[in-house]
C-alpha cells in the first residue's frame, strides 16, 4: 500500500458557509448570524475564544449581507461615511480599548451605519461589558448590543475543526488519527490548530504519513 505523505503546500483557509460545521456548541450563534435581517437593533456582537470560528462566521455574514470587513484597529484611518453606506463587520473590537481615535471612529461608524439603515457585526473574545472601552457613549452603545456566543467545542465540532485544519493544509490524516487526537489534546481550538501545525511539520520533516503513530510521537514530545 502506498504511503500517504505530506507536501510543503500553502494552507488555504476555506471560509464559505458550507465549510462551517454546525454543532450544539455553535448552533445558536449560527442561527442568529443567518437571521441577521431580523436583528431588532440591527447589530450583533459575535464572541468566543480564539479560533472558535468568529472570523469564518463573520465572512459568512459578510457574504450574506454584502458587508465589508475591517479590523477595529484600522478604523482611525478609515473612511467612516463610506463604510457606513453598507453593512459592516468590525473585528477584534476589544483591541482598541483606550485608543482614543479608534474608539471615536467606532462611535461615529456605529451611529452613522445604523442611521443609514444598515447593520453591524462586531467580533471579540468576550462580551461587550468586558471590552474596557473608555469612551462612555461608545461603551454604553456596545453594552446594549445583543450577543451571540461561540462555545468551546464538543467532540463533533472538534473533529470537524481538525478535519478542516488538515484540509486547509491539503493534508489527509488516516481515519484513526482524528479520534485519537480528540482524546489527547486540550479541548480548545488553539490546541487543535497547534497540533495540526506540529503534525504537518513532523510529517514533512520525516516524510511520514500523518497517522496515529506520528500523532503519538508528536504529543509525547512537546518540543517536536
N, C-alpha and C. Protein backbone atom coordinates (compact mmCIF):
# COMPACT_ATOMS: atom_id res chain seq x y z
N UNK A 1 0.85 -1.20 0.00
CA UNK A 1 0.00 0.00 0.00
C UNK A 1 0.89 1.25 0.00
N UNK A 2 0.55 2.20 -0.86
CA UNK A 2 1.36 3.42 -0.95
C UNK A 2 1.18 4.26 0.30
N UNK A 3 2.29 4.86 0.75
CA UNK A 3 2.21 5.72 1.93
C UNK A 3 1.61 7.06 1.56
N UNK A 4 0.84 7.65 2.50
CA UNK A 4 0.32 9.00 2.34
C UNK A 4 1.33 9.95 2.94
N UNK A 5 1.88 10.84 2.13
CA UNK A 5 2.89 11.78 2.57
C UNK A 5 2.33 13.19 2.50
N UNK A 6 2.90 14.09 3.29
CA UNK A 6 2.50 15.49 3.20
C UNK A 6 3.53 16.25 2.38
N UNK A 7 3.09 17.33 1.77
CA UNK A 7 3.95 18.15 0.94
C UNK A 7 3.90 19.59 1.44
N UNK A 8 4.96 20.32 1.18
CA UNK A 8 5.07 21.70 1.67
C UNK A 8 4.25 22.62 0.79
N UNK A 9 2.92 22.55 0.96
CA UNK A 9 2.00 23.36 0.16
C UNK A 9 1.38 24.42 1.05
N UNK A 10 0.98 25.55 0.48
CA UNK A 10 0.39 26.61 1.32
C UNK A 10 -0.95 26.21 1.87
N UNK A 11 -1.23 26.66 3.10
CA UNK A 11 -2.55 26.42 3.68
C UNK A 11 -3.56 27.33 3.01
N UNK A 12 -4.71 26.78 2.66
CA UNK A 12 -5.78 27.56 2.05
C UNK A 12 -6.97 27.51 2.99
N UNK A 13 -7.29 28.62 3.59
CA UNK A 13 -8.37 28.65 4.58
C UNK A 13 -9.71 28.78 3.87
N UNK A 14 -10.60 27.80 4.10
CA UNK A 14 -11.93 27.81 3.49
C UNK A 14 -12.88 28.57 4.41
N UNK A 15 -13.54 29.59 3.85
CA UNK A 15 -14.38 30.46 4.67
C UNK A 15 -15.82 30.54 4.16
N UNK A 16 -16.24 29.56 3.37
CA UNK A 16 -17.60 29.56 2.86
C UNK A 16 -18.54 28.96 3.91
N UNK A 17 -19.85 29.21 3.73
CA UNK A 17 -20.84 28.69 4.69
C UNK A 17 -20.81 27.18 4.76
N UNK A 18 -20.64 26.50 3.62
CA UNK A 18 -20.65 25.04 3.63
C UNK A 18 -19.43 24.45 4.35
N UNK A 19 -18.41 25.28 4.60
CA UNK A 19 -17.23 24.82 5.32
C UNK A 19 -17.35 25.03 6.82
N UNK A 20 -18.44 25.64 7.27
CA UNK A 20 -18.62 25.92 8.69
C UNK A 20 -19.49 24.83 9.30
N UNK A 21 -18.90 24.02 10.17
CA UNK A 21 -19.61 22.89 10.75
C UNK A 21 -20.46 23.36 11.93
N UNK A 22 -21.73 23.00 11.92
CA UNK A 22 -22.65 23.40 12.98
C UNK A 22 -22.82 22.26 13.98
N UNK A 23 -22.66 22.57 15.26
CA UNK A 23 -22.86 21.59 16.34
C UNK A 23 -23.59 22.31 17.47
N UNK A 24 -23.98 21.58 18.53
CA UNK A 24 -24.63 22.27 19.66
C UNK A 24 -23.79 23.39 20.26
N UNK A 25 -22.47 23.35 20.06
CA UNK A 25 -21.61 24.39 20.63
C UNK A 25 -21.75 25.73 19.93
N UNK A 26 -22.23 25.73 18.68
CA UNK A 26 -22.31 27.00 17.96
C UNK A 26 -23.62 27.22 17.22
N UNK A 27 -24.55 26.27 17.34
CA UNK A 27 -25.77 26.34 16.54
C UNK A 27 -26.57 27.62 16.78
N UNK A 28 -26.67 28.04 18.03
CA UNK A 28 -27.44 29.24 18.33
C UNK A 28 -26.81 30.48 17.70
N UNK A 29 -25.48 30.57 17.77
CA UNK A 29 -24.78 31.71 17.17
C UNK A 29 -24.95 31.72 15.65
N UNK A 30 -24.84 30.56 15.03
CA UNK A 30 -25.02 30.47 13.58
C UNK A 30 -26.42 30.91 13.19
N UNK A 31 -27.40 30.46 13.95
CA UNK A 31 -28.80 30.83 13.65
C UNK A 31 -29.00 32.33 13.76
N UNK A 32 -28.40 32.96 14.77
CA UNK A 32 -28.54 34.40 14.93
C UNK A 32 -27.88 35.16 13.78
N UNK A 33 -26.70 34.70 13.37
CA UNK A 33 -26.00 35.36 12.27
C UNK A 33 -26.79 35.22 10.97
N UNK A 34 -27.31 34.03 10.71
CA UNK A 34 -28.04 33.82 9.47
C UNK A 34 -29.38 34.55 9.45
N UNK A 35 -29.93 34.86 10.62
CA UNK A 35 -31.19 35.60 10.70
C UNK A 35 -30.94 37.09 10.87
N UNK A 36 -29.87 37.59 10.27
CA UNK A 36 -29.44 38.96 10.50
C UNK A 36 -30.48 40.01 10.14
N UNK A 37 -31.33 39.72 9.18
CA UNK A 37 -32.34 40.72 8.80
C UNK A 37 -33.40 40.92 9.88
N UNK A 38 -33.41 40.03 10.86
CA UNK A 38 -34.37 40.14 11.97
C UNK A 38 -33.74 40.72 13.23
N UNK A 39 -32.45 41.12 13.18
CA UNK A 39 -31.84 41.70 14.37
C UNK A 39 -32.62 42.95 14.79
N UNK A 40 -33.19 42.97 15.98
CA UNK A 40 -34.01 44.12 16.37
C UNK A 40 -33.21 45.42 16.47
N UNK A 41 -31.95 45.32 16.84
CA UNK A 41 -31.12 46.52 16.95
C UNK A 41 -30.23 46.73 15.73
N UNK A 42 -30.34 45.85 14.73
CA UNK A 42 -29.52 45.87 13.51
C UNK A 42 -28.02 45.76 13.84
N UNK A 43 -27.69 45.12 14.93
CA UNK A 43 -26.29 44.90 15.29
C UNK A 43 -26.20 43.65 16.15
N UNK A 44 -25.00 43.03 16.14
CA UNK A 44 -24.78 41.82 16.92
C UNK A 44 -23.31 41.73 17.28
N UNK A 45 -23.03 41.32 18.53
CA UNK A 45 -21.66 41.04 18.96
C UNK A 45 -21.46 39.54 18.91
N UNK A 46 -20.50 39.09 18.12
CA UNK A 46 -20.17 37.67 18.00
C UNK A 46 -18.93 37.40 18.84
N UNK A 47 -19.07 36.63 19.91
CA UNK A 47 -17.97 36.44 20.85
C UNK A 47 -17.65 34.96 21.03
N UNK A 48 -16.39 34.69 21.37
CA UNK A 48 -15.96 33.32 21.59
C UNK A 48 -14.45 33.25 21.66
N UNK A 49 -13.90 32.14 22.15
CA UNK A 49 -12.45 32.01 22.30
C UNK A 49 -11.73 32.06 20.97
N UNK A 50 -10.43 32.32 21.03
CA UNK A 50 -9.61 32.38 19.82
C UNK A 50 -9.73 31.08 19.03
N UNK A 51 -9.91 31.20 17.73
CA UNK A 51 -10.02 30.03 16.88
C UNK A 51 -11.37 29.37 16.88
N UNK A 52 -12.37 30.00 17.50
CA UNK A 52 -13.69 29.38 17.61
C UNK A 52 -14.54 29.52 16.36
N UNK A 53 -14.05 30.26 15.39
CA UNK A 53 -14.80 30.43 14.15
C UNK A 53 -15.40 31.80 13.96
N UNK A 54 -15.00 32.77 14.77
CA UNK A 54 -15.57 34.12 14.64
C UNK A 54 -15.29 34.71 13.26
N UNK A 55 -14.03 34.64 12.82
CA UNK A 55 -13.69 35.20 11.52
C UNK A 55 -14.41 34.47 10.40
N UNK A 56 -14.46 33.15 10.50
CA UNK A 56 -15.17 32.36 9.48
C UNK A 56 -16.63 32.78 9.42
N UNK A 57 -17.29 32.84 10.58
CA UNK A 57 -18.70 33.19 10.60
C UNK A 57 -18.91 34.65 10.17
N UNK A 58 -17.94 35.51 10.49
CA UNK A 58 -18.02 36.90 10.03
C UNK A 58 -17.98 36.96 8.50
N UNK A 59 -17.15 36.13 7.89
CA UNK A 59 -17.10 36.09 6.42
C UNK A 59 -18.40 35.52 5.84
N UNK A 60 -18.98 34.54 6.54
CA UNK A 60 -20.27 34.02 6.10
C UNK A 60 -21.30 35.15 6.09
N UNK A 61 -21.33 35.92 7.19
CA UNK A 61 -22.30 37.02 7.26
C UNK A 61 -21.99 38.09 6.22
N UNK A 62 -20.71 38.38 6.00
CA UNK A 62 -20.33 39.39 5.01
C UNK A 62 -20.85 39.00 3.63
N UNK A 63 -20.82 37.71 3.32
CA UNK A 63 -21.36 37.24 2.04
C UNK A 63 -22.88 37.38 2.01
N UNK A 64 -23.53 36.97 3.09
CA UNK A 64 -24.99 37.05 3.15
C UNK A 64 -25.48 38.49 3.05
N UNK A 65 -24.78 39.39 3.75
CA UNK A 65 -25.24 40.77 3.89
C UNK A 65 -24.51 41.75 2.98
N UNK A 66 -23.63 41.24 2.11
CA UNK A 66 -22.84 42.10 1.24
C UNK A 66 -22.12 43.17 2.08
N UNK A 67 -21.46 42.70 3.15
CA UNK A 67 -20.83 43.62 4.11
C UNK A 67 -19.33 43.71 3.88
N UNK A 68 -18.76 44.82 4.28
CA UNK A 68 -17.32 44.99 4.29
C UNK A 68 -16.77 44.56 5.65
N UNK A 69 -15.54 44.07 5.66
CA UNK A 69 -14.89 43.62 6.89
C UNK A 69 -13.68 44.50 7.16
N UNK A 70 -13.58 45.00 8.40
CA UNK A 70 -12.45 45.85 8.75
C UNK A 70 -12.01 45.56 10.19
N UNK A 71 -10.71 45.47 10.45
CA UNK A 71 -10.25 45.34 11.84
C UNK A 71 -10.52 46.62 12.60
N UNK A 72 -10.93 46.51 13.84
CA UNK A 72 -11.19 47.70 14.63
C UNK A 72 -9.97 48.61 14.69
N UNK A 73 -8.78 48.02 14.71
CA UNK A 73 -7.54 48.80 14.81
C UNK A 73 -7.32 49.69 13.59
N UNK A 74 -8.02 49.43 12.49
CA UNK A 74 -7.86 50.24 11.27
C UNK A 74 -8.87 51.36 11.17
N UNK A 75 -9.80 51.43 12.10
CA UNK A 75 -10.89 52.40 11.98
C UNK A 75 -10.42 53.85 12.02
N UNK A 76 -9.38 54.14 12.78
CA UNK A 76 -8.92 55.53 12.89
C UNK A 76 -8.48 56.09 11.56
N UNK A 77 -8.09 55.23 10.62
CA UNK A 77 -7.63 55.68 9.30
C UNK A 77 -8.67 55.43 8.20
N UNK A 78 -9.83 54.93 8.59
CA UNK A 78 -10.83 54.53 7.60
C UNK A 78 -11.73 55.68 7.20
N UNK A 79 -12.36 55.51 6.02
CA UNK A 79 -13.37 56.45 5.54
C UNK A 79 -14.70 56.03 6.15
N UNK A 80 -15.05 56.63 7.27
CA UNK A 80 -16.23 56.20 8.03
C UNK A 80 -17.53 56.36 7.23
N UNK A 81 -17.76 57.50 6.57
CA UNK A 81 -19.00 57.62 5.78
C UNK A 81 -19.12 56.55 4.69
N UNK A 82 -17.98 56.20 4.06
CA UNK A 82 -18.02 55.17 3.02
C UNK A 82 -18.37 53.81 3.62
N UNK A 83 -17.79 53.49 4.77
CA UNK A 83 -18.10 52.23 5.44
C UNK A 83 -19.57 52.17 5.85
N UNK A 84 -20.07 53.28 6.37
CA UNK A 84 -21.44 53.32 6.89
C UNK A 84 -22.49 53.24 5.79
N UNK A 85 -22.06 53.35 4.54
CA UNK A 85 -23.00 53.27 3.41
C UNK A 85 -23.50 51.85 3.18
N UNK A 86 -22.91 50.88 3.86
CA UNK A 86 -23.34 49.49 3.73
C UNK A 86 -23.21 48.76 5.05
N UNK A 87 -23.46 47.48 5.03
CA UNK A 87 -23.28 46.66 6.23
C UNK A 87 -21.79 46.47 6.51
N UNK A 88 -21.44 46.33 7.79
CA UNK A 88 -20.02 46.30 8.18
C UNK A 88 -19.76 45.25 9.26
N UNK A 89 -18.63 44.54 9.10
CA UNK A 89 -18.07 43.69 10.15
C UNK A 89 -16.88 44.41 10.75
N UNK A 90 -16.84 44.58 12.08
CA UNK A 90 -15.69 45.15 12.76
C UNK A 90 -15.10 44.06 13.64
N UNK A 91 -13.86 43.66 13.35
CA UNK A 91 -13.23 42.56 14.06
C UNK A 91 -12.36 43.03 15.21
N UNK A 92 -12.35 42.23 16.29
CA UNK A 92 -11.49 42.44 17.45
C UNK A 92 -11.71 43.82 18.06
N UNK A 93 -12.95 44.10 18.41
CA UNK A 93 -13.29 45.43 18.93
C UNK A 93 -12.56 45.72 20.24
N UNK A 94 -12.40 44.73 21.10
CA UNK A 94 -11.74 44.98 22.38
C UNK A 94 -10.30 45.43 22.21
N UNK A 95 -9.72 45.16 21.06
CA UNK A 95 -8.33 45.55 20.82
C UNK A 95 -8.10 47.04 20.75
N UNK A 96 -9.17 47.83 20.60
CA UNK A 96 -8.98 49.29 20.53
C UNK A 96 -9.26 49.97 21.86
N UNK A 97 -9.47 49.20 22.91
CA UNK A 97 -9.75 49.82 24.22
C UNK A 97 -8.64 50.77 24.61
N UNK A 98 -9.01 52.00 24.92
CA UNK A 98 -8.03 53.00 25.33
C UNK A 98 -7.37 53.76 24.19
N UNK A 99 -7.66 53.40 22.94
CA UNK A 99 -7.11 54.12 21.78
C UNK A 99 -8.16 55.14 21.34
N UNK A 100 -7.95 56.37 21.72
CA UNK A 100 -9.00 57.39 21.61
C UNK A 100 -9.51 57.56 20.18
N UNK A 101 -8.61 57.67 19.21
CA UNK A 101 -9.05 57.90 17.82
C UNK A 101 -9.85 56.72 17.28
N UNK A 102 -9.41 55.51 17.62
CA UNK A 102 -10.12 54.33 17.13
C UNK A 102 -11.49 54.22 17.80
N UNK A 103 -11.55 54.50 19.09
CA UNK A 103 -12.85 54.44 19.78
C UNK A 103 -13.80 55.49 19.22
N UNK A 104 -13.29 56.69 18.96
CA UNK A 104 -14.14 57.74 18.39
C UNK A 104 -14.63 57.34 17.00
N UNK A 105 -13.75 56.72 16.21
CA UNK A 105 -14.13 56.30 14.87
C UNK A 105 -15.22 55.23 14.94
N UNK A 106 -15.10 54.28 15.88
CA UNK A 106 -16.12 53.25 16.01
C UNK A 106 -17.44 53.85 16.46
N UNK A 107 -17.38 54.83 17.36
CA UNK A 107 -18.59 55.50 17.82
C UNK A 107 -19.33 56.14 16.64
N UNK A 108 -18.59 56.85 15.80
CA UNK A 108 -19.22 57.50 14.64
C UNK A 108 -19.70 56.48 13.62
N UNK A 109 -18.92 55.41 13.42
CA UNK A 109 -19.34 54.38 12.47
C UNK A 109 -20.61 53.69 12.95
N UNK A 110 -20.66 53.38 14.23
CA UNK A 110 -21.85 52.76 14.81
C UNK A 110 -23.09 53.62 14.57
N UNK A 111 -22.99 54.89 14.92
CA UNK A 111 -24.15 55.77 14.80
C UNK A 111 -24.56 56.00 13.36
N UNK A 112 -23.58 56.23 12.49
CA UNK A 112 -23.89 56.53 11.10
C UNK A 112 -24.41 55.30 10.36
N UNK A 113 -23.85 54.15 10.64
CA UNK A 113 -24.31 52.92 9.98
C UNK A 113 -25.77 52.64 10.32
N UNK A 114 -26.10 52.73 11.59
CA UNK A 114 -27.48 52.49 11.99
C UNK A 114 -28.42 53.57 11.45
N UNK A 115 -27.94 54.83 11.43
CA UNK A 115 -28.76 55.92 10.88
C UNK A 115 -29.05 55.72 9.40
N UNK A 116 -28.11 55.07 8.70
CA UNK A 116 -28.29 54.80 7.27
C UNK A 116 -29.16 53.57 7.02
N UNK A 117 -29.59 52.91 8.10
CA UNK A 117 -30.42 51.72 7.95
C UNK A 117 -29.66 50.45 7.69
N UNK A 118 -28.34 50.47 7.97
CA UNK A 118 -27.51 49.30 7.73
C UNK A 118 -27.21 48.57 9.04
N UNK A 119 -26.46 47.47 8.95
CA UNK A 119 -26.24 46.61 10.11
C UNK A 119 -24.76 46.44 10.42
N UNK A 120 -24.48 46.11 11.70
CA UNK A 120 -23.12 45.93 12.18
C UNK A 120 -22.97 44.56 12.83
N UNK A 121 -21.86 43.89 12.52
CA UNK A 121 -21.46 42.69 13.25
C UNK A 121 -20.10 42.97 13.88
N UNK A 122 -19.99 42.80 15.19
CA UNK A 122 -18.76 43.09 15.92
C UNK A 122 -18.23 41.80 16.53
N UNK A 123 -16.92 41.56 16.42
CA UNK A 123 -16.36 40.33 16.98
C UNK A 123 -15.38 40.64 18.11
N UNK A 124 -15.29 39.71 19.05
CA UNK A 124 -14.37 39.85 20.18
C UNK A 124 -14.30 38.53 20.92
N UNK A 125 -13.31 38.43 21.80
CA UNK A 125 -13.16 37.23 22.61
C UNK A 125 -14.23 37.12 23.69
N UNK A 126 -14.63 38.29 24.24
CA UNK A 126 -15.55 38.31 25.37
C UNK A 126 -16.68 39.30 25.09
N UNK A 127 -17.77 39.25 25.87
CA UNK A 127 -18.90 40.15 25.66
C UNK A 127 -18.52 41.62 25.85
N UNK A 128 -19.34 42.53 25.31
CA UNK A 128 -19.02 43.96 25.34
C UNK A 128 -18.71 44.54 26.71
N UNK A 129 -19.34 44.04 27.76
CA UNK A 129 -19.09 44.60 29.09
C UNK A 129 -17.64 44.38 29.55
N UNK A 130 -16.91 43.52 28.86
CA UNK A 130 -15.51 43.25 29.22
C UNK A 130 -14.52 43.93 28.27
N UNK A 131 -15.00 44.77 27.37
CA UNK A 131 -14.11 45.37 26.37
C UNK A 131 -13.28 46.53 26.91
N UNK A 132 -13.65 47.08 28.04
CA UNK A 132 -12.90 48.15 28.71
C UNK A 132 -12.75 49.40 27.83
N UNK A 133 -13.78 49.68 27.07
CA UNK A 133 -13.78 50.91 26.26
C UNK A 133 -13.87 52.13 27.17
N UNK A 134 -13.14 53.18 26.84
CA UNK A 134 -13.08 54.34 27.71
C UNK A 134 -14.02 55.47 27.31
N UNK A 135 -14.47 55.47 26.07
CA UNK A 135 -15.42 56.49 25.63
C UNK A 135 -16.80 56.09 26.14
N UNK A 136 -17.35 56.84 27.10
CA UNK A 136 -18.58 56.40 27.77
C UNK A 136 -19.74 56.14 26.81
N UNK A 137 -19.96 57.02 25.84
CA UNK A 137 -21.08 56.85 24.91
C UNK A 137 -20.90 55.59 24.06
N UNK A 138 -19.66 55.31 23.67
CA UNK A 138 -19.39 54.09 22.90
C UNK A 138 -19.61 52.86 23.77
N UNK A 139 -19.09 52.89 24.98
CA UNK A 139 -19.24 51.74 25.88
C UNK A 139 -20.71 51.42 26.13
N UNK A 140 -21.53 52.45 26.30
CA UNK A 140 -22.95 52.20 26.57
C UNK A 140 -23.64 51.61 25.35
N UNK A 141 -23.27 52.06 24.15
CA UNK A 141 -23.87 51.51 22.93
C UNK A 141 -23.43 50.06 22.71
N UNK A 142 -22.17 49.78 23.00
CA UNK A 142 -21.69 48.41 22.84
C UNK A 142 -22.34 47.49 23.87
N UNK A 143 -22.53 47.97 25.08
CA UNK A 143 -23.16 47.15 26.13
C UNK A 143 -24.60 46.79 25.78
N UNK A 144 -25.23 47.62 24.96
CA UNK A 144 -26.61 47.37 24.56
C UNK A 144 -26.72 46.47 23.33
N UNK A 145 -25.59 45.96 22.86
CA UNK A 145 -25.58 45.13 21.65
C UNK A 145 -25.93 43.68 21.99
N UNK A 146 -26.88 43.08 21.29
CA UNK A 146 -27.17 41.66 21.50
C UNK A 146 -25.94 40.80 21.24
N UNK A 147 -25.87 39.65 21.90
CA UNK A 147 -24.66 38.82 21.87
C UNK A 147 -24.98 37.43 21.32
N UNK A 148 -24.11 36.94 20.44
CA UNK A 148 -24.13 35.54 20.00
C UNK A 148 -22.81 34.93 20.43
N UNK A 149 -22.87 33.81 21.15
CA UNK A 149 -21.66 33.22 21.73
C UNK A 149 -21.31 31.90 21.06
N UNK A 150 -20.04 31.79 20.67
CA UNK A 150 -19.49 30.53 20.17
C UNK A 150 -18.82 29.83 21.36
N UNK A 151 -19.34 28.69 21.76
CA UNK A 151 -18.84 27.98 22.94
C UNK A 151 -17.62 27.13 22.59
N UNK A 152 -16.86 26.70 23.60
CA UNK A 152 -15.78 25.74 23.35
C UNK A 152 -16.33 24.50 22.66
N UNK A 153 -15.50 23.80 21.90
CA UNK A 153 -16.02 22.72 21.04
C UNK A 153 -16.42 21.45 21.78
N UNK A 154 -17.50 20.82 21.31
CA UNK A 154 -17.82 19.47 21.73
C UNK A 154 -17.06 18.51 20.80
N UNK A 155 -17.23 17.19 21.01
CA UNK A 155 -16.47 16.22 20.22
C UNK A 155 -16.70 16.37 18.72
N UNK A 156 -17.96 16.53 18.33
CA UNK A 156 -18.25 16.60 16.90
C UNK A 156 -17.66 17.85 16.27
N UNK A 157 -17.73 18.96 17.00
CA UNK A 157 -17.17 20.20 16.46
C UNK A 157 -15.65 20.14 16.42
N UNK A 158 -15.03 19.60 17.47
CA UNK A 158 -13.58 19.49 17.48
C UNK A 158 -13.10 18.59 16.34
N UNK A 159 -13.83 17.52 16.08
CA UNK A 159 -13.48 16.65 14.95
C UNK A 159 -13.55 17.42 13.64
N UNK A 160 -14.62 18.18 13.47
CA UNK A 160 -14.78 18.93 12.24
C UNK A 160 -13.69 19.99 12.08
N UNK A 161 -13.34 20.64 13.19
CA UNK A 161 -12.29 21.65 13.14
C UNK A 161 -10.95 21.03 12.75
N UNK A 162 -10.63 19.89 13.34
CA UNK A 162 -9.38 19.22 12.98
C UNK A 162 -9.36 18.83 11.50
N UNK A 163 -10.46 18.28 11.03
CA UNK A 163 -10.54 17.89 9.62
C UNK A 163 -10.36 19.11 8.73
N UNK A 164 -11.01 20.21 9.10
CA UNK A 164 -10.91 21.43 8.30
C UNK A 164 -9.48 21.97 8.29
N UNK A 165 -8.83 21.95 9.46
CA UNK A 165 -7.46 22.45 9.54
C UNK A 165 -6.51 21.59 8.69
N UNK A 166 -6.69 20.28 8.72
CA UNK A 166 -5.88 19.42 7.87
C UNK A 166 -6.19 19.69 6.39
N UNK A 167 -7.47 19.86 6.07
CA UNK A 167 -7.86 20.10 4.69
C UNK A 167 -7.31 21.43 4.18
N UNK A 168 -7.33 22.46 5.03
CA UNK A 168 -6.78 23.75 4.64
C UNK A 168 -5.31 23.64 4.27
N UNK A 169 -4.62 22.69 4.88
CA UNK A 169 -3.19 22.46 4.59
C UNK A 169 -2.99 21.38 3.52
N UNK A 170 -4.08 20.93 2.93
CA UNK A 170 -4.04 19.91 1.89
C UNK A 170 -3.42 18.61 2.41
N UNK A 171 -3.81 18.24 3.64
CA UNK A 171 -3.33 17.03 4.29
C UNK A 171 -4.49 16.07 4.51
N UNK A 172 -4.20 14.77 4.49
CA UNK A 172 -5.23 13.75 4.69
C UNK A 172 -4.76 12.73 5.72
N UNK A 173 -5.02 12.97 7.01
CA UNK A 173 -4.62 12.00 8.03
C UNK A 173 -5.40 10.70 7.90
N UNK A 174 -4.83 9.62 8.38
CA UNK A 174 -5.53 8.34 8.34
C UNK A 174 -6.74 8.39 9.27
N UNK A 175 -7.75 7.54 9.03
CA UNK A 175 -9.03 7.65 9.75
C UNK A 175 -8.92 7.60 11.27
N UNK A 176 -7.98 6.81 11.81
CA UNK A 176 -7.90 6.69 13.26
C UNK A 176 -7.23 7.89 13.93
N UNK A 177 -6.65 8.78 13.14
CA UNK A 177 -5.89 9.89 13.71
C UNK A 177 -6.78 10.89 14.44
N UNK A 178 -7.89 11.28 13.84
CA UNK A 178 -8.76 12.30 14.43
C UNK A 178 -9.32 11.84 15.78
N UNK A 179 -9.94 10.65 15.88
CA UNK A 179 -10.43 10.20 17.20
C UNK A 179 -9.34 10.14 18.25
N UNK A 180 -8.14 9.74 17.85
CA UNK A 180 -7.02 9.68 18.79
C UNK A 180 -6.67 11.08 19.30
N UNK A 181 -6.60 12.04 18.39
CA UNK A 181 -6.25 13.41 18.79
C UNK A 181 -7.30 13.99 19.73
N UNK A 182 -8.57 13.74 19.47
CA UNK A 182 -9.63 14.28 20.30
C UNK A 182 -9.50 13.81 21.75
N UNK A 183 -9.05 12.59 21.95
CA UNK A 183 -8.89 12.06 23.31
C UNK A 183 -7.65 12.61 24.00
N UNK A 184 -6.72 13.17 23.24
CA UNK A 184 -5.42 13.53 23.81
C UNK A 184 -5.17 15.04 23.93
N UNK A 185 -5.72 15.83 23.05
CA UNK A 185 -5.39 17.26 23.07
C UNK A 185 -6.35 18.02 23.99
N UNK A 186 -5.95 19.21 24.39
CA UNK A 186 -6.83 20.09 25.15
C UNK A 186 -8.07 20.41 24.31
N UNK A 187 -9.20 20.56 24.97
CA UNK A 187 -10.45 20.83 24.26
C UNK A 187 -10.53 22.33 23.92
N UNK A 188 -9.75 22.73 22.95
CA UNK A 188 -9.75 24.12 22.52
C UNK A 188 -9.36 24.21 21.06
N UNK A 189 -9.75 25.29 20.44
CA UNK A 189 -9.42 25.49 19.03
C UNK A 189 -7.94 25.81 18.85
N UNK A 190 -7.37 26.47 19.84
CA UNK A 190 -5.94 26.76 19.78
C UNK A 190 -5.14 25.46 19.79
N UNK A 191 -5.52 24.53 20.68
CA UNK A 191 -4.82 23.25 20.74
C UNK A 191 -4.96 22.49 19.42
N UNK A 192 -6.14 22.55 18.81
CA UNK A 192 -6.35 21.88 17.52
C UNK A 192 -5.44 22.46 16.45
N UNK A 193 -5.37 23.78 16.39
CA UNK A 193 -4.52 24.42 15.38
C UNK A 193 -3.05 24.07 15.62
N UNK A 194 -2.64 24.09 16.87
CA UNK A 194 -1.23 23.81 17.17
C UNK A 194 -0.83 22.39 16.81
N UNK A 195 -1.69 21.40 17.12
CA UNK A 195 -1.32 20.02 16.83
C UNK A 195 -1.30 19.77 15.32
N UNK A 196 -2.19 20.39 14.59
CA UNK A 196 -2.16 20.23 13.13
C UNK A 196 -0.87 20.83 12.56
N UNK A 197 -0.48 21.99 13.05
CA UNK A 197 0.77 22.60 12.59
C UNK A 197 1.96 21.70 12.90
N UNK A 198 1.99 21.14 14.12
CA UNK A 198 3.11 20.29 14.52
C UNK A 198 3.15 19.00 13.71
N UNK A 199 1.99 18.41 13.45
CA UNK A 199 1.94 17.19 12.66
C UNK A 199 2.34 17.45 11.21
N UNK A 200 1.94 18.58 10.68
CA UNK A 200 2.35 18.95 9.32
C UNK A 200 3.87 19.05 9.24
N UNK A 201 4.46 19.74 10.21
CA UNK A 201 5.92 19.91 10.23
C UNK A 201 6.63 18.57 10.39
N UNK A 202 6.15 17.75 11.33
CA UNK A 202 6.79 16.46 11.59
C UNK A 202 6.67 15.52 10.40
N UNK A 203 5.50 15.52 9.77
CA UNK A 203 5.28 14.66 8.61
C UNK A 203 6.19 15.05 7.46
N UNK A 204 6.32 16.34 7.23
CA UNK A 204 7.17 16.82 6.15
C UNK A 204 8.64 16.52 6.43
N UNK A 205 9.06 16.74 7.67
CA UNK A 205 10.47 16.55 8.02
C UNK A 205 10.89 15.09 7.91
N UNK A 206 9.99 14.17 8.29
CA UNK A 206 10.34 12.74 8.30
C UNK A 206 9.80 11.99 7.09
N UNK A 207 9.11 12.69 6.19
CA UNK A 207 8.48 12.03 5.03
C UNK A 207 7.63 10.85 5.47
N UNK A 208 6.79 11.11 6.50
CA UNK A 208 5.93 10.07 7.05
C UNK A 208 4.47 10.46 6.90
N UNK A 209 3.58 9.48 6.80
CA UNK A 209 2.15 9.80 6.75
C UNK A 209 1.67 10.32 8.10
N UNK A 210 0.61 11.08 8.06
CA UNK A 210 0.02 11.57 9.31
C UNK A 210 -0.96 10.49 9.79
N UNK A 211 -0.54 9.76 10.83
CA UNK A 211 -1.34 8.67 11.37
C UNK A 211 -1.24 8.68 12.89
N UNK A 212 -1.84 7.67 13.52
CA UNK A 212 -1.85 7.64 14.99
C UNK A 212 -0.44 7.55 15.55
N UNK A 213 0.42 6.79 14.90
CA UNK A 213 1.79 6.63 15.40
C UNK A 213 2.53 7.96 15.41
N UNK A 214 2.39 8.72 14.34
CA UNK A 214 3.06 10.02 14.29
C UNK A 214 2.43 10.97 15.31
N UNK A 215 1.10 10.90 15.44
CA UNK A 215 0.43 11.76 16.42
C UNK A 215 0.91 11.46 17.83
N UNK A 216 1.06 10.16 18.17
CA UNK A 216 1.55 9.78 19.49
C UNK A 216 2.96 10.29 19.71
N UNK A 217 3.79 10.19 18.69
CA UNK A 217 5.17 10.66 18.81
C UNK A 217 5.23 12.16 19.04
N UNK A 218 4.42 12.90 18.29
CA UNK A 218 4.43 14.36 18.43
C UNK A 218 3.87 14.78 19.78
N UNK A 219 2.78 14.15 20.22
CA UNK A 219 2.18 14.51 21.50
C UNK A 219 3.08 14.14 22.68
N UNK A 220 3.86 13.08 22.53
CA UNK A 220 4.75 12.67 23.62
C UNK A 220 6.05 13.46 23.65
N UNK A 221 6.27 14.28 22.62
CA UNK A 221 7.49 15.10 22.55
C UNK A 221 7.09 16.55 22.31
N UNK A 222 6.75 17.28 23.37
CA UNK A 222 6.25 18.65 23.23
C UNK A 222 7.17 19.57 22.42
N UNK A 223 8.47 19.30 22.44
CA UNK A 223 9.41 20.16 21.72
C UNK A 223 9.39 19.91 20.22
N UNK A 224 8.76 18.82 19.79
CA UNK A 224 8.78 18.46 18.37
C UNK A 224 7.80 19.31 17.58
